[in-house]
Amino acid sequence: MTIGEDMFALVERLFPICRSITGNGVRQTLNIVKEYLPIDVHEVPSNTKVFDWTVPREWNIRDAYIKNEKG
C-alpha cells in the first residue's frame, strides 16, 4: 500500500465514528489512533474543574433519525 492508501484506509475507519468532545466515540477514535501513534489516554470525570473549564457530562448517541422532510 502507498502512504496515500494507508491514510485513506485510516480515514475510512475514523469517519463513521460518532464522536463529540466526550463519549464512547472519542474512546474508539483514540484507540484507533493509538495503533499509529504512541499516545497515553487519561480519562477525567465529568464536572471536574480543569483550569477555567469544567469537563462536560458524557453523552453517547444510540439512535437518531429524521422523522420526515419537515422535521
N, C-alpha and C. Protein backbone atom coordinates (compact mmCIF):
# COMPACT_ATOMS: atom_id res chain seq x y z
N MET A 1 0.84 -1.20 0.00
CA MET A 1 0.00 0.00 0.00
C MET A 1 0.88 1.25 0.00
N THR A 2 0.40 2.27 -0.68
CA THR A 2 1.10 3.56 -0.64
C THR A 2 0.69 4.31 0.61
N ILE A 3 1.43 5.35 0.95
CA ILE A 3 1.06 6.14 2.13
C ILE A 3 -0.32 6.76 1.96
N GLY A 4 -0.65 7.17 0.73
CA GLY A 4 -1.97 7.72 0.46
C GLY A 4 -3.08 6.70 0.69
N GLU A 5 -2.83 5.47 0.29
CA GLU A 5 -3.81 4.41 0.51
C GLU A 5 -3.95 4.09 1.99
N ASP A 6 -2.82 4.10 2.71
CA ASP A 6 -2.86 3.89 4.16
C ASP A 6 -3.67 4.98 4.85
N MET A 7 -3.44 6.23 4.44
CA MET A 7 -4.18 7.35 5.03
C MET A 7 -5.67 7.22 4.73
N PHE A 8 -6.00 6.87 3.51
CA PHE A 8 -7.41 6.73 3.14
C PHE A 8 -8.07 5.62 3.94
N ALA A 9 -7.36 4.51 4.14
CA ALA A 9 -7.90 3.40 4.93
C ALA A 9 -8.17 3.84 6.37
N LEU A 10 -7.26 4.65 6.92
CA LEU A 10 -7.46 5.17 8.28
C LEU A 10 -8.68 6.08 8.34
N VAL A 11 -8.81 6.96 7.38
CA VAL A 11 -9.97 7.86 7.35
C VAL A 11 -11.27 7.07 7.20
N GLU A 12 -11.24 6.00 6.41
CA GLU A 12 -12.44 5.16 6.28
C GLU A 12 -12.84 4.54 7.61
N ARG A 13 -11.89 4.26 8.47
CA ARG A 13 -12.19 3.71 9.79
C ARG A 13 -12.69 4.80 10.74
N LEU A 14 -12.10 5.99 10.65
CA LEU A 14 -12.42 7.05 11.60
C LEU A 14 -13.70 7.81 11.27
N PHE A 15 -13.96 8.04 9.99
CA PHE A 15 -15.07 8.90 9.59
C PHE A 15 -16.43 8.47 10.13
N PRO A 16 -16.79 7.19 10.10
CA PRO A 16 -18.14 6.81 10.54
C PRO A 16 -18.37 6.88 12.05
N ILE A 17 -17.32 7.07 12.83
CA ILE A 17 -17.47 7.06 14.28
C ILE A 17 -18.19 8.33 14.74
N CYS A 18 -19.25 8.16 15.48
CA CYS A 18 -20.00 9.29 16.04
C CYS A 18 -19.26 9.77 17.29
N ARG A 19 -18.75 10.99 17.25
CA ARG A 19 -17.98 11.48 18.39
C ARG A 19 -18.23 12.96 18.60
N SER A 20 -18.03 13.37 19.82
CA SER A 20 -18.10 14.77 20.21
C SER A 20 -16.89 15.00 21.10
N ILE A 21 -17.00 15.88 22.06
CA ILE A 21 -15.87 16.15 22.94
C ILE A 21 -15.72 15.07 24.02
N THR A 22 -16.78 14.31 24.27
CA THR A 22 -16.74 13.23 25.26
C THR A 22 -17.47 12.02 24.70
N GLY A 23 -17.31 10.88 25.32
CA GLY A 23 -18.13 9.73 24.98
C GLY A 23 -17.37 8.58 24.35
N ASN A 24 -18.13 7.53 24.04
CA ASN A 24 -17.56 6.30 23.50
C ASN A 24 -16.89 6.50 22.15
N GLY A 25 -17.42 7.41 21.34
CA GLY A 25 -16.81 7.66 20.03
C GLY A 25 -15.41 8.22 20.14
N VAL A 26 -15.18 9.06 21.13
CA VAL A 26 -13.83 9.60 21.36
C VAL A 26 -12.90 8.47 21.78
N ARG A 27 -13.37 7.62 22.69
CA ARG A 27 -12.54 6.48 23.12
C ARG A 27 -12.19 5.58 21.93
N GLN A 28 -13.19 5.27 21.13
CA GLN A 28 -12.96 4.41 19.96
C GLN A 28 -11.95 5.05 19.00
N THR A 29 -12.11 6.35 18.76
CA THR A 29 -11.19 7.07 17.89
C THR A 29 -9.77 7.03 18.43
N LEU A 30 -9.61 7.31 19.72
CA LEU A 30 -8.27 7.31 20.31
C LEU A 30 -7.64 5.93 20.29
N ASN A 31 -8.43 4.89 20.46
CA ASN A 31 -7.89 3.53 20.38
C ASN A 31 -7.35 3.23 18.98
N ILE A 32 -8.01 3.73 17.97
CA ILE A 32 -7.51 3.55 16.60
C ILE A 32 -6.24 4.37 16.40
N VAL A 33 -6.24 5.61 16.86
CA VAL A 33 -5.06 6.47 16.72
C VAL A 33 -3.86 5.84 17.42
N LYS A 34 -4.10 5.18 18.56
CA LYS A 34 -3.02 4.53 19.30
C LYS A 34 -2.34 3.42 18.50
N GLU A 35 -2.99 2.91 17.49
CA GLU A 35 -2.37 1.91 16.62
C GLU A 35 -1.25 2.53 15.77
N TYR A 36 -1.28 3.86 15.62
CA TYR A 36 -0.34 4.56 14.76
C TYR A 36 0.62 5.47 15.52
N LEU A 37 0.19 5.96 16.67
CA LEU A 37 1.00 6.91 17.45
C LEU A 37 1.08 6.45 18.90
N PRO A 38 2.23 6.64 19.52
CA PRO A 38 2.37 6.25 20.93
C PRO A 38 1.77 7.32 21.85
N ILE A 39 0.48 7.22 22.12
CA ILE A 39 -0.18 8.20 22.98
C ILE A 39 -0.68 7.52 24.25
N ASP A 40 -0.73 8.30 25.32
CA ASP A 40 -1.33 7.86 26.57
C ASP A 40 -2.67 8.56 26.70
N VAL A 41 -3.70 7.82 27.02
CA VAL A 41 -5.04 8.39 27.17
C VAL A 41 -5.38 8.41 28.66
N HIS A 42 -5.81 9.57 29.13
CA HIS A 42 -6.23 9.72 30.52
C HIS A 42 -7.67 10.18 30.54
N GLU A 43 -8.49 9.54 31.34
CA GLU A 43 -9.89 9.95 31.46
C GLU A 43 -10.06 10.83 32.69
N VAL A 44 -10.86 11.86 32.53
CA VAL A 44 -11.14 12.80 33.61
C VAL A 44 -12.66 12.79 33.82
N PRO A 45 -13.11 12.60 35.04
CA PRO A 45 -14.56 12.52 35.30
C PRO A 45 -15.30 13.81 34.94
N SER A 46 -16.54 13.66 34.54
CA SER A 46 -17.40 14.83 34.28
C SER A 46 -17.47 15.70 35.52
N ASN A 47 -17.67 16.99 35.29
CA ASN A 47 -17.78 18.02 36.33
C ASN A 47 -16.47 18.31 37.04
N THR A 48 -15.35 17.79 36.53
CA THR A 48 -14.04 18.12 37.09
C THR A 48 -13.61 19.48 36.56
N LYS A 49 -13.14 20.35 37.45
CA LYS A 49 -12.62 21.65 37.04
C LYS A 49 -11.21 21.46 36.50
N VAL A 50 -10.96 21.99 35.31
CA VAL A 50 -9.64 21.97 34.70
C VAL A 50 -9.33 23.41 34.29
N PHE A 51 -8.49 24.06 35.08
CA PHE A 51 -8.20 25.48 34.89
C PHE A 51 -9.52 26.25 34.92
N ASP A 52 -9.88 26.94 33.82
CA ASP A 52 -11.11 27.75 33.83
C ASP A 52 -12.28 27.02 33.14
N TRP A 53 -12.19 25.71 33.04
CA TRP A 53 -13.16 24.92 32.30
C TRP A 53 -13.66 23.78 33.18
N THR A 54 -14.88 23.36 32.99
CA THR A 54 -15.43 22.19 33.68
C THR A 54 -15.70 21.11 32.64
N VAL A 55 -15.21 19.90 32.90
CA VAL A 55 -15.40 18.79 31.97
C VAL A 55 -16.90 18.51 31.86
N PRO A 56 -17.44 18.52 30.64
CA PRO A 56 -18.88 18.31 30.47
C PRO A 56 -19.30 16.87 30.73
N ARG A 57 -20.60 16.69 30.90
CA ARG A 57 -21.16 15.34 31.04
C ARG A 57 -20.95 14.58 29.74
N GLU A 58 -20.73 13.30 29.87
CA GLU A 58 -20.56 12.44 28.71
C GLU A 58 -21.91 12.17 28.07
N TRP A 59 -21.92 12.10 26.76
CA TRP A 59 -23.15 11.70 26.08
C TRP A 59 -22.80 10.83 24.90
N ASN A 60 -23.63 9.83 24.68
CA ASN A 60 -23.44 8.86 23.62
C ASN A 60 -24.75 8.73 22.85
N ILE A 61 -24.69 8.93 21.56
CA ILE A 61 -25.87 8.79 20.72
C ILE A 61 -26.06 7.31 20.39
N ARG A 62 -27.21 6.78 20.72
CA ARG A 62 -27.51 5.37 20.43
C ARG A 62 -28.41 5.23 19.22
N ASP A 63 -29.20 6.27 18.92
CA ASP A 63 -30.13 6.17 17.81
C ASP A 63 -30.48 7.59 17.36
N ALA A 64 -30.64 7.77 16.08
CA ALA A 64 -31.06 9.07 15.56
C ALA A 64 -31.75 8.85 14.22
N TYR A 65 -32.71 9.71 13.92
CA TYR A 65 -33.40 9.59 12.65
C TYR A 65 -34.08 10.92 12.32
N ILE A 66 -34.42 11.08 11.07
CA ILE A 66 -35.21 12.22 10.62
C ILE A 66 -36.63 11.73 10.45
N LYS A 67 -37.56 12.35 11.18
CA LYS A 67 -38.95 11.90 11.19
C LYS A 67 -39.58 12.01 9.80
N ASN A 68 -39.41 13.16 9.17
CA ASN A 68 -39.88 13.34 7.80
C ASN A 68 -39.15 14.56 7.23
N GLU A 69 -39.43 14.91 5.99
CA GLU A 69 -38.70 16.00 5.35
C GLU A 69 -38.96 17.36 6.00
N LYS A 70 -40.00 17.47 6.85
CA LYS A 70 -40.31 18.73 7.53
C LYS A 70 -39.82 18.74 8.97
N GLY A 71 -39.14 17.68 9.36
CA GLY A 71 -38.60 17.63 10.72
C GLY A 71 -39.42 16.78 11.61
